[in-house]
């Protein structure tokens, strides 16, 4: 039997703190929900409620619309933290019925708001053959 070493994934947040999803997923889920809600509100978008898990067994994310608003339910158990965050972001996009290019821009802004960055790496061209 092989042993596998598992690394803890840390997620940076704008405050400079690093949250470890392995410690308390509930706290991190709530923090992410507040961050996404604040960012959506600042853009004049509908802020959905978040809950976990979805009531439909076997689904990672569900969306429920009612007279009181929209609820995004996300499965947290046994999933990578970034997959959970991606479903939360997509839930806000679906709740607001955003379409490209607005949805694409919003998605990128939400990843930044959650503390993820993307550094551009220059492309090096292979040497030209004469």
C-alpha atoms as a PDB file:
ATOM      1  CA  UNK A   1       0.000   0.000   0.000  1.00  0.00           C
ATOM      2  CA  UNK A   2       1.367   3.417  -0.984  1.00  0.00           C
ATOM      3  CA  UNK A   3       1.305   6.355   1.356  1.00  0.00           C
ATOM      4  CA  UNK A   4       0.370   9.728  -0.027  1.00  0.00           C
ATOM      5  CA  UNK A   5       1.460  13.022   1.487  1.00  0.00           C
ATOM      6  CA  UNK A   6      -1.313  15.609   1.422  1.00  0.00           C
ATOM      7  CA  UNK A   7      -0.496  19.306   1.465  1.00  0.00           C
ATOM      8  CA  UNK A   8      -2.860  21.804   3.039  1.00  0.00           C
ATOM      9  CA  UNK A   9      -4.166  24.321   0.559  1.00  0.00           C
ATOM     10  CA  UNK A  10      -4.148  27.870   1.866  1.00  0.00           C
ATOM     11  CA  UNK A  11      -6.344  30.583   0.422  1.00  0.00           C
ATOM     12  CA  UNK A  12      -5.170  34.192   0.783  1.00  0.00           C
ATOM     13  CA  UNK A  13      -7.792  36.826   1.592  1.00  0.00           C
ATOM     14  CA  UNK A  14      -7.552  40.591   0.993  1.00  0.00           C
ATOM     15  CA  UNK A  15      -6.970  41.290   4.686  1.00  0.00           C
ATOM     16  CA  UNK A  16      -3.600  39.569   4.365  1.00  0.00           C
ATOM     17  CA  UNK A  17      -4.717  36.630   6.468  1.00  0.00           C
ATOM     18  CA  UNK A  18      -4.422  33.150   5.081  1.00  0.00           C
ATOM     19  CA  UNK A  19      -7.350  30.870   5.795  1.00  0.00           C
ATOM     20  CA  UNK A  20      -6.824  27.141   5.872  1.00  0.00           C
ATOM     21  CA  UNK A  21      -9.936  25.400   4.575  1.00  0.00           C
ATOM     22  CA  UNK A  22      -8.937  22.189   6.334  1.00  0.00           C
ATOM     23  CA  UNK A  23      -9.342  23.841   9.751  1.00  0.00           C
ATOM     24  CA  UNK A  24     -12.916  25.110   9.527  1.00  0.00           C
ATOM     25  CA  UNK A  25     -14.688  24.907   6.217  1.00  0.00           C
ATOM     26  CA  UNK A  26     -17.815  26.432   7.759  1.00  0.00           C
ATOM     27  CA  UNK A  27     -15.991  29.609   8.772  1.00  0.00           C
ATOM     28  CA  UNK A  28     -14.288  29.870   5.383  1.00  0.00           C
ATOM     29  CA  UNK A  29     -17.593  29.246   3.576  1.00  0.00           C
ATOM     30  CA  UNK A  30     -19.243  32.047   5.574  1.00  0.00           C
ATOM     31  CA  UNK A  31     -16.313  34.401   4.943  1.00  0.00           C
ATOM     32  CA  UNK A  32     -16.417  33.693   1.208  1.00  0.00           C
ATOM     33  CA  UNK A  33     -20.210  34.193   1.150  1.00  0.00           C
ATOM     34  CA  UNK A  34     -19.858  37.583   2.871  1.00  0.00           C
ATOM     35  CA  UNK A  35     -17.099  38.621   0.464  1.00  0.00           C
ATOM     36  CA  UNK A  36     -19.095  37.610  -2.619  1.00  0.00           C
ATOM     37  CA  UNK A  37     -22.216  39.277  -1.223  1.00  0.00           C
ATOM     38  CA  UNK A  38     -20.383  42.527  -0.548  1.00  0.00           C
ATOM     39  CA  UNK A  39     -18.841  42.545  -4.024  1.00  0.00           C
ATOM     40  CA  UNK A  40     -22.171  41.775  -5.727  1.00  0.00           C
ATOM     41  CA  UNK A  41     -23.935  44.489  -3.707  1.00  0.00           C
ATOM     42  CA  UNK A  42     -21.261  47.059  -4.634  1.00  0.00           C
ATOM     43  CA  UNK A  43     -21.977  46.312  -8.302  1.00  0.00           C
ATOM     44  CA  UNK A  44     -25.733  46.672  -7.867  1.00  0.00           C
ATOM     45  CA  UNK A  45     -26.360  42.946  -8.293  1.00  0.00           C
ATOM     46  CA  UNK A  46     -28.725  40.633  -6.449  1.00  0.00           C
ATOM     47  CA  UNK A  47     -27.018  39.049  -3.447  1.00  0.00           C
ATOM     48  CA  UNK A  48     -28.080  35.411  -3.139  1.00  0.00           C
ATOM     49  CA  UNK A  49     -28.188  33.518   0.109  1.00  0.00           C
ATOM     50  CA  UNK A  50     -25.705  30.673   0.473  1.00  0.00           C
ATOM     51  CA  UNK A  51     -26.209  27.340   2.186  1.00  0.00           C
ATOM     52  CA  UNK A  52     -24.749  23.873   2.222  1.00  0.00           C
ATOM     53  CA  UNK A  53     -25.354  21.160   1.274  1.00  0.00           C
ATOM     54  CA  UNK A  54     -27.828  21.181  -1.621  1.00  0.00           C
ATOM     55  CA  UNK A  55     -31.074  19.375  -0.839  1.00  0.00           C
ATOM     56  CA  UNK A  56     -30.745  17.309  -4.018  1.00  0.00           C
ATOM     57  CA  UNK A  57     -28.380  14.439  -3.288  1.00  0.00           C
ATOM     58  CA  UNK A  58     -25.551  14.021  -5.783  1.00  0.00           C
ATOM     59  CA  UNK A  59     -25.404  17.622  -7.005  1.00  0.00           C
ATOM     60  CA  UNK A  60     -22.525  19.988  -6.249  1.00  0.00           C
ATOM     61  CA  UNK A  61     -24.539  23.189  -6.679  1.00  0.00           C
ATOM     62  CA  UNK A  62     -28.219  24.092  -6.892  1.00  0.00           C
ATOM     63  CA  UNK A  63     -30.048  27.359  -7.328  1.00  0.00           C
ATOM     64  CA  UNK A  64     -33.484  28.025  -5.854  1.00  0.00           C
ATOM     65  CA  UNK A  65     -35.492  31.086  -6.833  1.00  0.00           C
ATOM     66  CA  UNK A  66     -38.372  32.270  -4.662  1.00  0.00           C
ATOM     67  CA  UNK A  67     -40.289  35.458  -3.883  1.00  0.00           C
ATOM     68  CA  UNK A  68     -37.713  36.151  -1.160  1.00  0.00           C
ATOM     69  CA  UNK A  69     -34.724  35.991  -3.511  1.00  0.00           C
ATOM     70  CA  UNK A  70     -32.281  33.333  -4.637  1.00  0.00           C
ATOM     71  CA  UNK A  71     -30.476  30.691  -2.615  1.00  0.00           C
ATOM     72  CA  UNK A  72     -27.299  29.033  -3.864  1.00  0.00           C
ATOM     73  CA  UNK A  73     -26.607  25.692  -2.199  1.00  0.00           C
ATOM     74  CA  UNK A  74     -23.112  24.228  -2.537  1.00  0.00           C
ATOM     75  CA  UNK A  75     -21.771  20.827  -1.524  1.00  0.00           C
ATOM     76  CA  UNK A  76     -18.707  21.326   0.669  1.00  0.00           C
ATOM     77  CA  UNK A  77     -17.947  17.818   1.914  1.00  0.00           C
ATOM     78  CA  UNK A  78     -15.079  15.971   0.190  1.00  0.00           C
ATOM     79  CA  UNK A  79     -14.414  18.724  -2.373  1.00  0.00           C
ATOM     80  CA  UNK A  80     -11.399  20.939  -3.089  1.00  0.00           C
ATOM     81  CA  UNK A  81     -11.776  24.427  -1.643  1.00  0.00           C
ATOM     82  CA  UNK A  82     -11.305  26.108  -5.024  1.00  0.00           C
ATOM     83  CA  UNK A  83     -14.140  23.998  -6.477  1.00  0.00           C
ATOM     84  CA  UNK A  84     -16.418  25.203  -3.679  1.00  0.00           C
ATOM     85  CA  UNK A  85     -15.448  28.826  -4.357  1.00  0.00           C
ATOM     86  CA  UNK A  86     -15.965  28.364  -8.103  1.00  0.00           C
ATOM     87  CA  UNK A  87     -19.485  27.056  -7.467  1.00  0.00           C
ATOM     88  CA  UNK A  88     -20.237  30.000  -5.188  1.00  0.00           C
ATOM     89  CA  UNK A  89     -19.056  32.472  -7.844  1.00  0.00           C
ATOM     90  CA  UNK A  90     -21.032  30.687 -10.575  1.00  0.00           C
ATOM     91  CA  UNK A  91     -24.057  30.745  -8.291  1.00  0.00           C
ATOM     92  CA  UNK A  92     -23.928  34.551  -8.085  1.00  0.00           C
ATOM     93  CA  UNK A  93     -23.545  34.729 -11.873  1.00  0.00           C
ATOM     94  CA  UNK A  94     -26.527  32.400 -12.405  1.00  0.00           C
ATOM     95  CA  UNK A  95     -28.644  34.197  -9.785  1.00  0.00           C
ATOM     96  CA  UNK A  96     -28.128  37.461 -11.676  1.00  0.00           C
ATOM     97  CA  UNK A  97     -28.453  35.842 -15.110  1.00  0.00           C
ATOM     98  CA  UNK A  98     -25.179  37.427 -16.196  1.00  0.00           C
ATOM     99  CA  UNK A  99     -23.934  36.631 -19.697  1.00  0.00           C
ATOM    100  CA  UNK A 100     -20.566  37.209 -21.381  1.00  0.00           C
ATOM    101  CA  UNK A 101     -18.694  39.512 -21.402  1.00  0.00           C
ATOM    102  CA  UNK A 102     -20.162  40.851 -18.126  1.00  0.00           C
ATOM    103  CA  UNK A 103     -20.146  37.378 -16.536  1.00  0.00           C
ATOM    104  CA  UNK A 104     -16.498  36.867 -17.486  1.00  0.00           C
ATOM    105  CA  UNK A 105     -15.445  40.200 -16.030  1.00  0.00           C
ATOM    106  CA  UNK A 106     -17.447  39.590 -12.838  1.00  0.00           C
ATOM    107  CA  UNK A 107     -15.928  36.104 -12.456  1.00  0.00           C
ATOM    108  CA  UNK A 108     -12.403  37.507 -12.657  1.00  0.00           C
ATOM    109  CA  UNK A 109     -13.201  40.284 -10.199  1.00  0.00           C
ATOM    110  CA  UNK A 110     -14.636  37.775  -7.712  1.00  0.00           C
ATOM    111  CA  UNK A 111     -11.502  35.618  -7.819  1.00  0.00           C
ATOM    112  CA  UNK A 112      -9.464  38.746  -7.092  1.00  0.00           C
ATOM    113  CA  UNK A 113     -11.829  39.720  -4.261  1.00  0.00           C
ATOM    114  CA  UNK A 114     -11.305  36.262  -2.747  1.00  0.00           C
ATOM    115  CA  UNK A 115      -7.552  36.833  -2.808  1.00  0.00           C
ATOM    116  CA  UNK A 116      -6.509  34.867  -5.870  1.00  0.00           C
ATOM    117  CA  UNK A 117      -4.072  36.472  -8.271  1.00  0.00           C
ATOM    118  CA  UNK A 118      -2.823  35.620 -11.699  1.00  0.00           C
ATOM    119  CA  UNK A 119       0.622  36.660 -12.768  1.00  0.00           C
ATOM    120  CA  UNK A 120       1.293  37.054 -16.456  1.00  0.00           C
ATOM    121  CA  UNK A 121       4.171  34.915 -17.612  1.00  0.00           C
ATOM    122  CA  UNK A 122       5.960  36.119 -20.743  1.00  0.00           C
ATOM    123  CA  UNK A 123       5.839  33.687 -23.616  1.00  0.00           C
ATOM    124  CA  UNK A 124       9.251  32.780 -24.940  1.00  0.00           C
ATOM    125  CA  UNK A 125       9.413  31.879 -28.581  1.00  0.00           C
ATOM    126  CA  UNK A 126      11.544  29.002 -29.756  1.00  0.00           C
ATOM    127  CA  UNK A 127      14.619  29.989 -31.754  1.00  0.00           C
ATOM    128  CA  UNK A 128      13.976  30.575 -35.443  1.00  0.00           C
ATOM    129  CA  UNK A 129      15.473  28.034 -37.773  1.00  0.00           C
ATOM    130  CA  UNK A 130      16.940  29.524 -40.936  1.00  0.00           C
END
